[in-house]
């Protein structure tokens, strides 16, 4: 049986919530987007967006102008509620569910019989049931699925996002979705909502398995990235070009080693494994080690910059990139940002920061006298140390002559052939230092 949804509310209008709201609204469904940031709400209601994602501006503008989407600070009644709020971890790596709890308590007063509530936020196992408990405590007049073997008044499910920044609008539609209901009927109702816009398969399971599925996907990626990052450290000690090594090893039909980098960032891979580790600390040894390897890589990069700066009277360091991956503006848990912050705190010299996908420096760097926010050409002209932290497309066009006489610390393998093509540069890639 397919259920109809004429009005949907999306709680949290960030990198996942806003694209999801826009896609649903462009399918002809009335969507109310809820966010606690008044500036974001005002901006969206004008048809403008506050994040960078290809094609999203056009989609939001069309939805606003058609009257199918509007943003608000206050939840309103709807047939379905999608909760897409942050789930960070605390200083002790324990999950912080405060945003989910706040979202649940905010929508509880406007819930009506027959409503569907779906949690999309990446969460520890058991969070969906905990959300149900928060809702039921706030609305004792309603029956929730964990309270009855019969038909509840409110249906609750979990459906994690699994999209790639820069490809969100396409992957929201094309990717398969894993939908976990507190009961099978909850999952079926949630599937009806997602089939409004999802062309991929919607696979049904229980909420705890769906929660673990999302965590497993990202922990798998984290472990594989850690292998590549650790391999780069080993290759440095052995004097082997890690990029060539990986290319050769990947010629094996069953080997696919990922590329090393300065660490791991983003709202998923750098965070989600801790949710598994915290739930089974005596068992998740490999995942904990992978987290430690990836979290240690930024310090390794900083050490190389320090070593280069020690030989210079007035070091000027060009830091290319702040986002956690190429061609996006997302700085969440970015190792590149952490590296620049660390360099600034150590006072190693003047830092020339280049990030073509943001308009201003983040607050942690904004008012520091030794930090300048500059364009790529100015940074390359003025710096005597160049650190490539993110492989943005703009950085691929750098000419070898622009790096003449500079120390180049390439954490992305973007200029791995530079040593052979530009004799005047000293190239420090993640495998070794080559003076030419």
Protein backbone atom coordinates (compact mmCIF):
# COMPACT_ATOMS: atom_id res chain seq x y z
CA UNK A 1 0.00 0.00 0.00
CA UNK A 2 1.29 3.45 -0.92
CA UNK A 3 0.56 6.40 1.37
CA UNK A 4 0.05 9.96 0.18
CA UNK A 5 1.98 12.94 1.52
CA UNK A 6 0.82 16.44 0.68
CA UNK A 7 2.84 18.30 3.31
CA UNK A 8 6.31 17.43 4.59
CA UNK A 9 8.49 19.20 7.14
CA UNK A 10 12.29 19.00 7.08
CA UNK A 11 14.02 19.81 10.37
CA UNK A 12 17.52 21.16 9.79
CA UNK A 13 18.34 22.97 6.54
CA UNK A 14 22.01 22.11 6.14
CA UNK A 15 23.95 20.09 3.60
CA UNK A 16 21.42 17.24 3.66
CA UNK A 17 18.19 18.79 4.86
CA UNK A 18 18.04 21.61 2.34
CA UNK A 19 18.72 19.52 -0.79
CA UNK A 20 16.21 16.93 0.42
CA UNK A 21 13.59 19.60 1.04
CA UNK A 22 14.23 21.14 -2.39
CA UNK A 23 13.98 17.82 -4.21
CA UNK A 24 10.69 16.91 -2.50
CA UNK A 25 9.24 20.38 -3.15
CA UNK A 26 10.12 20.10 -6.83
CA UNK A 27 8.04 16.91 -6.95
CA UNK A 28 4.96 19.00 -6.18
CA UNK A 29 4.77 18.42 -2.42
CA UNK A 30 4.40 21.34 0.00
CA UNK A 31 7.55 21.48 2.13
CA UNK A 32 8.20 23.48 5.27
CA UNK A 33 11.85 23.73 6.20
CA UNK A 34 12.70 24.35 9.85
CA UNK A 35 15.98 25.81 11.06
CA UNK A 36 17.11 27.56 14.25
CA UNK A 37 19.18 30.13 12.32
CA UNK A 38 17.02 33.17 11.54
CA UNK A 39 19.47 34.45 8.93
CA UNK A 40 19.30 31.14 7.06
CA UNK A 41 15.50 31.17 7.18
CA UNK A 42 15.33 34.72 5.78
CA UNK A 43 17.86 33.95 3.06
CA UNK A 44 16.02 30.82 1.93
CA UNK A 45 12.65 32.58 1.82
CA UNK A 46 14.21 35.04 -0.64
CA UNK A 47 15.20 32.13 -2.85
CA UNK A 48 18.89 32.28 -1.97
CA UNK A 49 20.99 29.51 -0.43
CA UNK A 50 23.69 29.51 2.26
CA UNK A 51 25.70 26.46 1.17
CA UNK A 52 27.51 25.45 -2.01
CA UNK A 53 26.14 22.49 -3.93
CA UNK A 54 25.95 22.35 -7.73
CA UNK A 55 22.42 23.00 -8.99
CA UNK A 56 20.92 23.55 -5.54
CA UNK A 57 20.45 27.30 -6.02
CA UNK A 58 18.25 26.76 -9.07
CA UNK A 59 16.21 24.07 -7.34
CA UNK A 60 15.60 26.14 -4.20
CA UNK A 61 14.77 29.28 -6.15
CA UNK A 62 12.22 27.41 -8.21
CA UNK A 63 10.63 25.78 -5.16
CA UNK A 64 10.34 29.11 -3.33
CA UNK A 65 8.91 30.97 -6.32
CA UNK A 66 6.36 28.20 -6.96
CA UNK A 67 5.22 28.38 -3.34
CA UNK A 68 6.08 24.75 -2.68
CA UNK A 69 8.88 25.53 -0.22
CA UNK A 70 9.21 27.98 2.62
CA UNK A 71 11.44 28.13 5.66
CA UNK A 72 10.45 28.82 9.24
CA UNK A 73 11.92 28.99 12.73
CA UNK A 74 8.92 27.22 14.23
CA UNK A 75 7.62 23.72 13.40
CA UNK A 76 4.14 23.41 11.98
CA UNK A 77 1.81 20.42 11.53
CA UNK A 78 2.69 18.11 8.63
CA UNK A 79 2.05 14.55 7.53
CA UNK A 80 5.73 13.68 7.68
CA UNK A 81 8.77 15.08 9.46
CA UNK A 82 12.35 14.44 8.29
CA UNK A 83 14.94 15.17 10.98
CA UNK A 84 18.33 16.06 9.47
CA UNK A 85 20.29 17.74 12.26
CA UNK A 86 23.96 17.37 13.29
CA UNK A 87 25.13 14.48 15.47
CA UNK A 88 28.67 15.38 16.55
CA UNK A 89 30.73 13.67 19.21
CA UNK A 90 31.90 15.14 22.50
CA UNK A 91 35.49 15.65 23.61
CA UNK A 92 35.57 12.08 24.96
CA UNK A 93 34.34 10.73 21.59
CA UNK A 94 30.92 9.91 23.01
CA UNK A 95 27.99 10.77 20.71
CA UNK A 96 26.21 14.06 21.28
CA UNK A 97 22.49 13.65 20.57
CA UNK A 98 21.45 17.06 21.86
CA UNK A 99 20.39 18.28 18.40
CA UNK A 100 18.24 15.21 17.79
CA UNK A 101 16.61 15.57 21.19
CA UNK A 102 15.94 19.27 20.59
CA UNK A 103 14.44 18.51 17.18
CA UNK A 104 12.17 15.82 18.64
CA UNK A 105 10.94 18.12 21.38
CA UNK A 106 10.34 20.93 18.90
CA UNK A 107 8.07 18.88 16.64
CA UNK A 108 6.26 17.01 19.43
CA UNK A 109 3.63 19.74 20.02
CA UNK A 110 2.54 19.75 16.36
CA UNK A 111 2.33 15.97 15.85
CA UNK A 112 -1.05 14.69 14.78
CA UNK A 113 -2.42 11.15 14.60
CA UNK A 114 -1.09 9.38 11.53
CA UNK A 115 2.11 11.44 11.33
CA UNK A 116 5.38 9.91 10.17
CA UNK A 117 8.71 10.92 11.76
CA UNK A 118 11.96 9.88 10.06
CA UNK A 119 15.42 10.41 11.49
CA UNK A 120 18.05 10.93 8.79
CA UNK A 121 20.92 12.10 10.99
CA UNK A 122 23.80 9.63 11.25
CA UNK A 123 23.33 8.20 14.72
CA UNK A 124 24.49 5.53 17.17
CA UNK A 125 22.52 2.31 17.27
CA UNK A 126 19.37 2.84 19.31
CA UNK A 127 18.94 6.56 18.61
CA UNK A 128 15.66 6.12 16.70
CA UNK A 129 14.12 4.33 19.66
CA UNK A 130 15.49 7.03 21.94
CA UNK A 131 13.88 9.68 19.73
CA UNK A 132 10.60 7.79 20.02
CA UNK A 133 10.94 7.89 23.81
CA UNK A 134 11.53 11.66 23.76
CA UNK A 135 8.46 12.14 21.57
CA UNK A 136 6.25 9.92 23.70
CA UNK A 137 7.35 11.69 26.88
CA UNK A 138 6.36 15.00 25.33
CA UNK A 139 3.07 13.68 23.91
CA UNK A 140 1.57 11.15 26.35
CA UNK A 141 -1.77 11.57 24.57
CA UNK A 142 -0.41 9.75 21.50
CA UNK A 143 0.58 6.10 21.06
CA UNK A 144 4.04 5.48 19.58
CA UNK A 145 5.30 2.29 17.87
CA UNK A 146 7.52 1.18 20.76
CA UNK A 147 4.50 1.24 23.06
CA UNK A 148 2.11 -1.09 21.21
CA UNK A 149 1.87 -4.25 19.14
CA UNK A 150 -1.02 -2.69 17.27
CA UNK A 151 -1.29 0.38 15.08
CA UNK A 152 0.38 3.43 16.66
CA UNK A 153 -0.75 7.03 16.31
CA UNK A 154 2.70 8.12 15.10
CA UNK A 155 5.01 6.08 12.85
CA UNK A 156 8.79 6.33 13.30
CA UNK A 157 11.66 5.19 11.07
CA UNK A 158 15.33 5.74 10.33
CA UNK A 159 16.74 6.40 6.85
CA UNK A 160 20.33 7.64 6.64
CA UNK A 161 21.61 9.80 3.83
CA UNK A 162 24.42 8.34 1.70
CA UNK A 163 25.32 11.12 -0.72
CA UNK A 164 28.59 12.62 -1.91
CA UNK A 165 29.11 16.39 -1.55
CA UNK A 166 29.16 17.89 -5.00
CA UNK A 167 26.84 15.14 -6.27
CA UNK A 168 24.05 15.45 -3.70
CA UNK A 169 21.12 16.25 -5.99
CA UNK A 170 21.86 13.37 -8.33
CA UNK A 171 22.60 10.84 -5.60
CA UNK A 172 19.53 11.76 -3.54
CA UNK A 173 17.50 10.53 -6.48
CA UNK A 174 19.61 7.70 -7.87
CA UNK A 175 21.07 5.98 -4.79
CA UNK A 176 19.44 3.07 -3.00
CA UNK A 177 18.07 3.87 0.46
CA UNK A 178 18.06 1.70 3.57
CA UNK A 179 14.90 2.34 5.59
CA UNK A 180 14.62 0.96 9.10
CA UNK A 181 11.30 1.13 10.90
CA UNK A 182 10.65 0.63 14.58
CA UNK A 183 7.99 -1.71 13.16
CA UNK A 184 7.62 -3.11 9.64
CA UNK A 185 4.62 -0.84 9.08
CA UNK A 186 6.73 2.21 10.01
CA UNK A 187 9.28 1.19 7.37
CA UNK A 188 6.57 0.75 4.72
CA UNK A 189 5.15 4.21 5.39
CA UNK A 190 8.57 5.75 5.18
CA UNK A 191 9.22 3.97 1.88
CA UNK A 192 6.11 5.64 0.43
CA UNK A 193 7.58 9.02 1.26
CA UNK A 194 10.98 8.30 -0.27
CA UNK A 195 9.46 6.88 -3.43
CA UNK A 196 8.24 10.39 -4.17
CA UNK A 197 11.76 11.22 -5.33
CA UNK A 198 14.05 8.17 -5.02
CA UNK A 199 14.62 6.17 -8.20
CA UNK A 200 16.97 3.72 -6.48
CA UNK A 201 15.71 0.75 -4.50
CA UNK A 202 14.30 1.36 -1.03
CA UNK A 203 15.33 -1.61 1.10
CA UNK A 204 13.43 -2.19 4.34
CA UNK A 205 14.84 -3.38 7.65
CA UNK A 206 14.57 -2.51 11.34
CA UNK A 207 15.80 0.80 12.76
CA UNK A 208 18.81 -0.61 14.64
CA UNK A 209 20.13 -2.42 11.56
CA UNK A 210 19.64 0.69 9.43
CA UNK A 211 21.55 2.78 11.97
CA UNK A 212 24.41 0.28 11.99
CA UNK A 213 24.40 0.12 8.18
CA UNK A 214 25.21 3.80 7.91
CA UNK A 215 27.95 3.58 10.51
CA UNK A 216 29.42 0.51 8.84
CA UNK A 217 29.61 2.21 5.44
CA UNK A 218 31.64 5.08 6.82
CA UNK A 219 33.80 2.96 9.11
CA UNK A 220 34.70 0.80 6.10
CA UNK A 221 35.84 3.90 4.23
CA UNK A 222 37.77 5.16 7.24
CA UNK A 223 39.68 1.90 7.64
CA UNK A 224 40.62 1.85 3.96
CA UNK A 225 41.77 5.47 4.03
CA UNK A 226 43.82 4.70 7.14
CA UNK A 227 45.58 1.92 5.25
CA UNK A 228 46.55 4.40 2.51
CA UNK A 229 47.66 7.02 5.03
CA UNK A 230 49.73 4.54 7.01
CA UNK A 231 51.22 3.24 3.79
CA UNK A 232 52.38 6.76 2.95
CA UNK A 233 54.20 6.95 6.31
CA UNK A 234 55.92 3.61 5.69
CA UNK A 235 56.93 4.67 2.18
CA UNK A 236 58.48 7.87 3.52
CA UNK A 237 60.79 5.84 5.76
CA UNK A 238 61.69 3.46 2.94
CA UNK A 239 62.23 6.15 0.29
CA UNK A 240 59.48 4.84 -1.99
CA UNK A 241 57.07 6.95 -4.05
CA UNK A 242 53.71 6.03 -2.51
CA UNK A 243 51.74 7.28 -5.50
CA UNK A 244 53.65 5.07 -7.92
CA UNK A 245 53.41 2.18 -5.47
CA UNK A 246 49.62 2.46 -5.20
CA UNK A 247 49.22 2.74 -8.97
CA UNK A 248 51.25 -0.44 -9.43
CA UNK A 249 49.50 -2.36 -6.65
CA UNK A 250 46.08 -1.38 -8.02
CA UNK A 251 46.87 -3.18 -11.24
CA UNK A 252 46.06 -6.35 -9.32
CA UNK A 253 42.44 -7.26 -10.24
CA UNK A 254 41.37 -7.53 -6.59
CA UNK A 255 43.31 -4.61 -5.08
CA UNK A 256 41.94 -1.06 -4.89
CA UNK A 257 44.03 1.04 -2.51
CA UNK A 258 42.70 4.54 -1.93
CA UNK A 259 44.80 7.71 -2.11
CA UNK A 260 46.51 9.05 1.02
CA UNK A 261 46.00 12.61 2.16
CA UNK A 262 46.44 14.98 5.12
CA UNK A 263 43.80 13.19 7.20
CA UNK A 264 40.07 12.52 7.05
CA UNK A 265 37.33 15.11 7.40
CA UNK A 266 33.66 15.75 6.81
CA UNK A 267 30.56 15.15 8.89
CA UNK A 268 30.53 11.39 8.32
CA UNK A 269 33.77 9.45 7.93
CA UNK A 270 35.68 11.42 10.56
CA UNK A 271 32.85 11.06 13.09
CA UNK A 272 30.74 7.94 12.55
CA UNK A 273 33.30 5.24 13.44
CA UNK A 274 33.40 6.67 16.96
CA UNK A 275 29.71 5.82 17.33
CA UNK A 276 30.57 2.15 16.77
CA UNK A 277 33.68 2.33 18.95
CA UNK A 278 31.78 3.95 21.82
CA UNK A 279 29.13 1.23 21.71
CA UNK A 280 31.67 -1.63 21.69
CA UNK A 281 34.97 -0.21 23.04
CA UNK A 282 36.42 -3.62 23.92
CA UNK A 283 35.77 -5.05 20.47
CA UNK A 284 36.24 -2.36 17.80
CA UNK A 285 40.06 -2.45 17.84
CA UNK A 286 40.67 -2.06 14.10
CA UNK A 287 38.28 0.86 13.76
CA UNK A 288 39.87 2.64 16.74
CA UNK A 289 43.33 2.20 15.22
CA UNK A 290 42.13 3.54 11.88
CA UNK A 291 40.74 6.62 13.59
CA UNK A 292 44.05 7.17 15.37
CA UNK A 293 46.03 6.82 12.12
CA UNK A 294 43.81 9.28 10.26
CA UNK A 295 43.63 11.74 13.15
CA UNK A 296 47.42 11.66 13.41
CA UNK A 297 48.08 12.60 9.78
CA UNK A 298 47.53 16.38 10.19
CA UNK A 299 50.28 16.47 12.82
CA UNK A 300 52.58 14.68 10.40
CA UNK A 301 51.96 17.42 7.82
CA UNK A 302 52.55 20.17 10.38
CA UNK A 303 55.89 18.58 11.29
CA UNK A 304 57.00 18.79 7.67
CA UNK A 305 56.06 22.45 7.44
CA UNK A 306 57.94 23.12 10.67
CA UNK A 307 61.02 21.36 9.31
CA UNK A 308 60.93 23.48 6.15
CA UNK A 309 60.34 26.73 8.08
CA UNK A 310 63.30 26.14 10.40
CA UNK A 311 65.69 26.70 7.52
CA UNK A 312 64.15 30.06 6.57
CA UNK A 313 64.58 33.49 8.13
CA UNK A 314 61.11 34.69 7.08
CA UNK A 315 58.89 31.72 6.21
CA UNK A 316 55.78 32.53 4.20
CA UNK A 317 53.55 29.50 3.87
CA UNK A 318 50.89 29.20 1.16
CA UNK A 319 48.17 26.87 2.46
CA UNK A 320 46.12 25.70 -0.50
CA UNK A 321 42.65 24.58 0.55
CA UNK A 322 40.59 24.47 3.75
CA UNK A 323 37.64 22.22 2.88
CA UNK A 324 37.63 18.52 3.75
CA UNK A 325 37.55 17.42 0.10
CA UNK A 326 37.93 18.84 -3.38
CA UNK A 327 35.61 21.39 -4.99
CA UNK A 328 33.23 22.00 -2.07
CA UNK A 329 32.90 24.64 0.67
CA UNK A 330 32.35 22.21 3.55
CA UNK A 331 34.89 22.77 6.35
CA UNK A 332 33.42 20.35 8.88
CA UNK A 333 36.13 18.26 10.59
CA UNK A 334 38.48 19.29 7.79
CA UNK A 335 42.08 18.14 8.33
CA UNK A 336 43.23 21.00 6.09
CA UNK A 337 41.59 23.54 8.40
CA UNK A 338 43.05 21.85 11.48
CA UNK A 339 46.53 21.98 9.92
CA UNK A 340 46.27 25.70 9.17
CA UNK A 341 44.93 26.40 12.68
CA UNK A 342 47.85 24.45 14.15
CA UNK A 343 50.38 26.33 12.04
CA UNK A 344 48.85 29.65 13.09
CA UNK A 345 49.00 28.71 16.77
CA UNK A 346 52.67 27.74 16.46
CA UNK A 347 53.57 31.09 14.90
CA UNK A 348 55.78 29.56 12.23
CA UNK A 349 55.52 32.60 9.96
CA UNK A 350 53.09 34.32 7.65
CA UNK A 351 50.27 32.09 6.39
CA UNK A 352 48.74 32.82 2.98
CA UNK A 353 45.47 30.90 2.91
CA UNK A 354 43.74 30.05 -0.37
CA UNK A 355 40.22 28.59 -0.45
CA UNK A 356 38.29 29.42 -3.62
CA UNK A 357 35.02 27.96 -2.36
CA UNK A 358 34.42 30.27 0.63
CA UNK A 359 34.08 34.05 0.81
CA UNK A 360 35.64 34.58 4.24
CA UNK A 361 37.99 32.73 6.55
CA UNK A 362 36.43 30.70 9.37
CA UNK A 363 36.27 32.47 12.71
CA UNK A 364 39.25 30.55 14.10
CA UNK A 365 41.55 32.21 11.53
CA UNK A 366 39.77 35.44 10.68
CA UNK A 367 41.42 37.98 12.99
CA UNK A 368 44.91 36.52 13.28
CA UNK A 369 47.53 39.06 12.10
CA UNK A 370 49.81 36.37 10.65
CA UNK A 371 47.02 34.90 8.49
CA UNK A 372 45.99 36.43 5.15
CA UNK A 373 43.12 35.28 2.92
CA UNK A 374 44.44 35.62 -0.62
CA UNK A 375 44.02 34.36 -4.14
CA UNK A 376 46.03 31.52 -5.62
CA UNK A 377 48.35 33.63 -7.76
CA UNK A 378 49.25 35.98 -4.90
CA UNK A 379 49.95 33.04 -2.59
CA UNK A 380 52.22 31.35 -5.13
CA UNK A 381 54.04 34.60 -5.83
CA UNK A 382 54.70 35.54 -2.20
CA UNK A 383 55.28 32.17 -0.51
CA UNK A 384 58.52 30.29 -0.08
CA UNK A 385 56.70 27.19 1.23
CA UNK A 386 53.65 25.83 -0.63
CA UNK A 387 51.43 23.27 1.07
CA UNK A 388 48.78 21.58 -1.07
CA UNK A 389 46.08 20.41 1.37
CA UNK A 390 43.08 19.97 -0.94
CA UNK A 391 43.08 18.87 -4.57
CA UNK A 392 40.71 21.55 -5.87
CA UNK A 393 40.53 21.73 -9.65
CA UNK A 394 41.97 25.25 -9.58
CA UNK A 395 45.19 23.95 -8.04
CA UNK A 396 45.74 21.42 -10.81
CA UNK A 397 46.53 24.24 -13.24
CA UNK A 398 49.57 25.46 -11.31
CA UNK A 399 52.57 25.72 -13.64
CA UNK A 400 55.86 24.17 -12.51
CA UNK A 401 57.62 27.53 -12.95
CA UNK A 402 55.33 29.06 -10.29
CA UNK A 403 56.90 26.75 -7.71
CA UNK A 404 60.49 27.45 -8.71
CA UNK A 405 62.76 27.82 -5.68
CA UNK A 406 60.04 26.94 -3.17
CA UNK A 407 59.56 24.05 -0.79
CA UNK A 408 56.44 22.18 -1.92
CA UNK A 409 54.64 19.92 0.53
CA UNK A 410 52.11 18.02 -1.53
CA UNK A 411 49.71 15.99 0.61
CA UNK A 412 47.45 15.04 -2.30
CA UNK A 413 49.92 13.87 -4.92
CA UNK A 414 48.71 16.67 -7.15
CA UNK A 415 52.18 17.60 -8.35
CA UNK A 416 53.93 14.26 -7.93
CA UNK A 417 55.85 14.66 -11.21
CA UNK A 418 57.07 18.14 -10.31
CA UNK A 419 60.49 17.00 -9.09
CA UNK A 420 61.35 15.74 -12.55
CA UNK A 421 59.92 18.74 -14.41
CA UNK A 422 61.07 21.62 -12.21
CA UNK A 423 64.69 21.40 -11.02
CA UNK A 424 64.39 24.55 -8.87
CA UNK A 425 61.86 23.19 -6.41
CA UNK A 426 62.22 21.08 -3.32
CA UNK A 427 59.30 18.68 -3.29
CA UNK A 428 58.16 17.06 -0.07
CA UNK A 429 55.40 14.61 -0.94
CA UNK A 430 53.91 12.20 1.60
CA UNK A 431 56.51 9.57 0.73
CA UNK A 432 59.82 11.40 0.70
CA UNK A 433 61.62 14.71 0.21
CA UNK A 434 63.35 15.25 -3.12
CA UNK A 435 65.79 18.11 -3.64
CA UNK A 436 66.34 18.83 -7.31
